[in-house]
Amino acid sequence: MRVKVTITCKKCGERFILRARKDQGKLETGFKQCICDNSSMFEIEEIPV
């Protein structure tokens, strides 16, 4: 199932809106790294459609 998610970087505050795949309650976006080189501190929220 495809859903939209908002990924917010907790280091610089940059925000990304992406599509994610939701399988068994887990979101998979393929998102690896923010433009500030942060690769671990993210807040991921599902956008209701």
N, C-alpha and C. Protein backbone atom coordinates (compact mmCIF):
# COMPACT_ATOMS: atom_id res chain seq x y z
N MET A 1 0.84 -1.17 0.00
CA MET A 1 0.00 0.00 0.00
C MET A 1 0.89 1.24 0.00
N ARG A 2 0.57 2.21 -0.84
CA ARG A 2 1.34 3.46 -0.92
C ARG A 2 0.67 4.54 -0.07
N VAL A 3 1.49 5.27 0.69
CA VAL A 3 1.02 6.38 1.51
C VAL A 3 1.99 7.55 1.35
N LYS A 4 1.55 8.76 1.68
CA LYS A 4 2.43 9.91 1.68
C LYS A 4 2.94 10.13 3.09
N VAL A 5 4.21 10.52 3.20
CA VAL A 5 4.81 10.79 4.50
C VAL A 5 5.56 12.12 4.46
N THR A 6 5.67 12.74 5.62
CA THR A 6 6.48 13.93 5.79
C THR A 6 7.67 13.53 6.64
N ILE A 7 8.88 13.79 6.13
CA ILE A 7 10.10 13.51 6.87
C ILE A 7 10.72 14.85 7.25
N THR A 8 10.91 15.06 8.55
CA THR A 8 11.50 16.30 9.05
C THR A 8 12.84 15.97 9.69
N CYS A 9 13.87 16.68 9.27
CA CYS A 9 15.21 16.50 9.84
C CYS A 9 15.26 17.22 11.18
N LYS A 10 15.64 16.52 12.24
CA LYS A 10 15.72 17.12 13.56
C LYS A 10 16.99 17.94 13.74
N LYS A 11 17.91 17.85 12.81
CA LYS A 11 19.16 18.60 12.91
C LYS A 11 19.04 19.99 12.28
N CYS A 12 18.50 20.08 11.05
CA CYS A 12 18.42 21.37 10.36
C CYS A 12 17.00 21.86 10.13
N GLY A 13 16.00 21.00 10.32
CA GLY A 13 14.61 21.41 10.14
C GLY A 13 14.07 21.27 8.73
N GLU A 14 14.88 20.78 7.80
CA GLU A 14 14.44 20.59 6.41
C GLU A 14 13.30 19.58 6.38
N ARG A 15 12.31 19.81 5.50
CA ARG A 15 11.13 18.95 5.43
C ARG A 15 11.01 18.38 4.03
N PHE A 16 10.71 17.09 3.95
CA PHE A 16 10.54 16.39 2.68
C PHE A 16 9.19 15.69 2.67
N ILE A 17 8.50 15.71 1.54
CA ILE A 17 7.24 14.98 1.39
C ILE A 17 7.48 13.91 0.33
N LEU A 18 7.29 12.65 0.72
CA LEU A 18 7.59 11.52 -0.15
C LEU A 18 6.46 10.50 -0.12
N ARG A 19 6.49 9.59 -1.07
CA ARG A 19 5.63 8.41 -1.03
C ARG A 19 6.39 7.31 -0.33
N ALA A 20 5.65 6.53 0.43
CA ALA A 20 6.26 5.41 1.14
C ALA A 20 5.42 4.17 0.91
N ARG A 21 6.03 3.05 1.10
CA ARG A 21 5.33 1.76 1.01
C ARG A 21 5.10 1.29 2.45
N LYS A 22 3.87 0.93 2.74
CA LYS A 22 3.50 0.48 4.08
C LYS A 22 3.21 -1.01 4.04
N ASP A 23 4.06 -1.78 4.69
CA ASP A 23 3.89 -3.23 4.78
C ASP A 23 3.93 -3.64 6.24
N GLN A 24 2.88 -4.29 6.70
CA GLN A 24 2.78 -4.79 8.07
C GLN A 24 3.05 -3.70 9.10
N GLY A 25 2.54 -2.48 8.85
CA GLY A 25 2.68 -1.38 9.79
C GLY A 25 4.01 -0.65 9.74
N LYS A 26 4.92 -1.09 8.86
CA LYS A 26 6.25 -0.48 8.75
C LYS A 26 6.31 0.37 7.48
N LEU A 27 6.87 1.58 7.59
CA LEU A 27 7.00 2.47 6.44
C LEU A 27 8.38 2.33 5.82
N GLU A 28 8.42 2.18 4.50
CA GLU A 28 9.69 2.10 3.76
C GLU A 28 9.68 3.19 2.70
N THR A 29 10.58 4.18 2.86
CA THR A 29 10.62 5.32 1.94
C THR A 29 11.81 5.27 0.99
N GLY A 30 12.88 4.64 1.39
CA GLY A 30 14.10 4.68 0.59
C GLY A 30 14.93 5.91 0.89
N PHE A 31 14.45 6.76 1.79
CA PHE A 31 15.15 8.00 2.16
C PHE A 31 16.37 7.63 3.00
N LYS A 32 17.53 8.15 2.63
CA LYS A 32 18.77 7.78 3.30
C LYS A 32 19.41 8.90 4.10
N GLN A 33 19.41 10.14 3.55
CA GLN A 33 20.21 11.19 4.16
C GLN A 33 19.65 12.57 3.80
N CYS A 34 19.70 13.48 4.75
CA CYS A 34 19.28 14.87 4.52
C CYS A 34 20.40 15.63 3.81
N ILE A 35 20.08 16.82 3.31
CA ILE A 35 21.09 17.63 2.63
C ILE A 35 22.16 18.16 3.60
N CYS A 36 21.90 18.09 4.93
CA CYS A 36 22.89 18.52 5.93
C CYS A 36 23.77 17.35 6.39
N ASP A 37 23.73 16.23 5.69
CA ASP A 37 24.49 15.00 5.98
C ASP A 37 23.98 14.23 7.19
N ASN A 38 22.82 14.57 7.71
CA ASN A 38 22.21 13.81 8.80
C ASN A 38 21.62 12.53 8.22
N SER A 39 21.93 11.40 8.84
CA SER A 39 21.38 10.14 8.34
C SER A 39 20.65 9.33 9.41
N SER A 40 20.38 9.96 10.56
CA SER A 40 19.73 9.17 11.60
C SER A 40 18.64 9.89 12.39
N MET A 41 18.66 11.20 12.50
CA MET A 41 17.71 11.91 13.35
C MET A 41 16.57 12.50 12.51
N PHE A 42 15.50 11.69 12.31
CA PHE A 42 14.37 12.12 11.50
C PHE A 42 13.07 11.90 12.25
N GLU A 43 12.09 12.71 11.93
CA GLU A 43 10.73 12.51 12.42
C GLU A 43 9.90 12.18 11.19
N ILE A 44 9.25 11.03 11.19
CA ILE A 44 8.46 10.58 10.03
C ILE A 44 7.00 10.54 10.44
N GLU A 45 6.15 11.27 9.68
CA GLU A 45 4.72 11.31 9.95
C GLU A 45 3.96 10.91 8.70
N GLU A 46 2.95 10.08 8.87
CA GLU A 46 2.10 9.69 7.76
C GLU A 46 1.05 10.77 7.53
N ILE A 47 0.85 11.16 6.26
CA ILE A 47 -0.12 12.19 5.90
C ILE A 47 -1.44 11.49 5.55
N PRO A 48 -2.52 11.84 6.26
CA PRO A 48 -3.82 11.22 5.91
C PRO A 48 -4.29 11.72 4.56
N VAL A 49 -4.84 10.80 3.77
CA VAL A 49 -5.31 11.16 2.43
C VAL A 49 -6.82 11.12 2.39
